C-alpha atoms as a PDB file:
ATOM      1  CA  MET A   1      85.106 121.799  69.678  1.00  0.00           C
ATOM      2  CA  ILE A   2      88.476 120.190  70.403  1.00  0.00           C
ATOM      3  CA  SER A   3      90.215 118.604  67.435  1.00  0.00           C
ATOM      4  CA  ASN A   4      91.427 115.029  67.554  1.00  0.00           C
ATOM      5  CA  SER A   5      95.093 116.032  67.660  1.00  0.00           C
ATOM      6  CA  GLU A   6      94.375 118.477  70.502  1.00  0.00           C
ATOM      7  CA  MET A   7      92.608 115.716  72.440  1.00  0.00           C
ATOM      8  CA  ILE A   8      95.585 113.389  71.958  1.00  0.00           C
ATOM      9  CA  ARG A   9      97.975 116.114  73.101  1.00  0.00           C
ATOM     10  CA  ILE A  10      95.913 116.798  76.236  1.00  0.00           C
ATOM     11  CA  ARG A  11      95.667 113.079  77.027  1.00  0.00           C
ATOM     12  CA  ARG A  12      99.431 112.601  76.689  1.00  0.00           C
ATOM     13  CA  GLN A  13     100.068 115.632  78.871  1.00  0.00           C
ATOM     14  CA  MET A  14      97.760 114.258  81.579  1.00  0.00           C
ATOM     15  CA  GLN A  15      99.442 110.840  81.435  1.00  0.00           C
ATOM     16  CA  ARG A  16     102.849 112.488  81.766  1.00  0.00           C
ATOM     17  CA  ARG A  17     101.694 114.443  84.813  1.00  0.00           C
ATOM     18  CA  ILE A  18     100.269 111.310  86.419  1.00  0.00           C
ATOM     19  CA  ARG A  19     103.530 109.427  85.807  1.00  0.00           C
ATOM     20  CA  ASP A  20     105.492 112.298  87.353  1.00  0.00           C
ATOM     21  CA  VAL A  21     103.304 112.344  90.461  1.00  0.00           C
ATOM     22  CA  VAL A  22     103.510 108.567  90.873  1.00  0.00           C
ATOM     23  CA  ALA A  23     107.290 108.653  90.495  1.00  0.00           C
ATOM     24  CA  GLU A  24     107.613 111.476  93.010  1.00  0.00           C
ATOM     25  CA  ARG A  25     105.462 109.623  95.557  1.00  0.00           C
ATOM     26  CA  ARG A  26     107.549 106.480  95.020  1.00  0.00           C
ATOM     27  CA  ARG A  27     110.752 108.456  95.630  1.00  0.00           C
ATOM     28  CA  ALA A  28     109.257 109.999  98.773  1.00  0.00           C
ATOM     29  CA  ARG A  29     108.343 106.556 100.137  1.00  0.00           C
ATOM     30  CA  GLN A  30     111.842 105.286  99.412  1.00  0.00           C
ATOM     31  CA  MET A  31     113.398 108.277 101.160  1.00  0.00           C
ATOM     32  CA  GLU A  32     111.154 107.728 104.191  1.00  0.00           C
ATOM     33  CA  ALA A  33     112.188 104.068 104.327  1.00  0.00           C
ATOM     34  CA  ILE A  34     115.875 104.991 104.094  1.00  0.00           C
ATOM     35  CA  ALA A  35     115.486 107.629 106.810  1.00  0.00           C
ATOM     36  CA  ALA A  36     113.709 105.121 109.060  1.00  0.00           C
ATOM     37  CA  ASP A  37     116.503 102.584 108.521  1.00  0.00           C
ATOM     38  CA  LEU A  38     119.163 105.151 109.350  1.00  0.00           C
ATOM     39  CA  THR A  39     117.455 106.319 112.543  1.00  0.00           C
ATOM     40  CA  ALA A  40     116.527 102.832 113.772  1.00  0.00           C
ATOM     41  CA  ASP A  41     118.401 101.553 116.801  1.00  0.00           C
ATOM     42  CA  PRO A  42     120.434  98.510 115.696  1.00  0.00           C
ATOM     43  CA  THR A  43     119.692  96.712 118.974  1.00  0.00           C
ATOM     44  CA  ASP A  44     115.982  96.798 118.112  1.00  0.00           C
ATOM     45  CA  THR A  45     116.509  94.866 114.884  1.00  0.00           C
ATOM     46  CA  ARG A  46     118.236  91.870 116.469  1.00  0.00           C
ATOM     47  CA  PRO A  47     116.193  88.790 117.375  1.00  0.00           C
ATOM     48  CA  GLU A  48     115.454  88.140 121.055  1.00  0.00           C
ATOM     49  CA  SER A  49     117.725  85.091 121.207  1.00  0.00           C
ATOM     50  CA  SER A  50     120.764  87.218 120.322  1.00  0.00           C
ATOM     51  CA  LEU A  51     120.070  89.500 123.281  1.00  0.00           C
ATOM     52  CA  SER A  52     120.529  86.724 125.823  1.00  0.00           C
ATOM     53  CA  PRO A  53     124.063  86.262 127.174  1.00  0.00           C
ATOM     54  CA  THR A  54     126.054  83.292 125.968  1.00  0.00           C
ATOM     55  CA  ALA A  55     128.255  81.434 128.417  1.00  0.00           C
END
């Protein structure tokens, strides 16, 4: 039988692991977004009207 203090310790450890995984996934998504911004062609991000010549 697991004691109450042991149960609390296990629960806190699980919560810590979950928080770590969530934080790591968040960082990975942010890094992917930054990498996509850096590799994007700047001409693709401009609106169509700015691509037409102005006289």
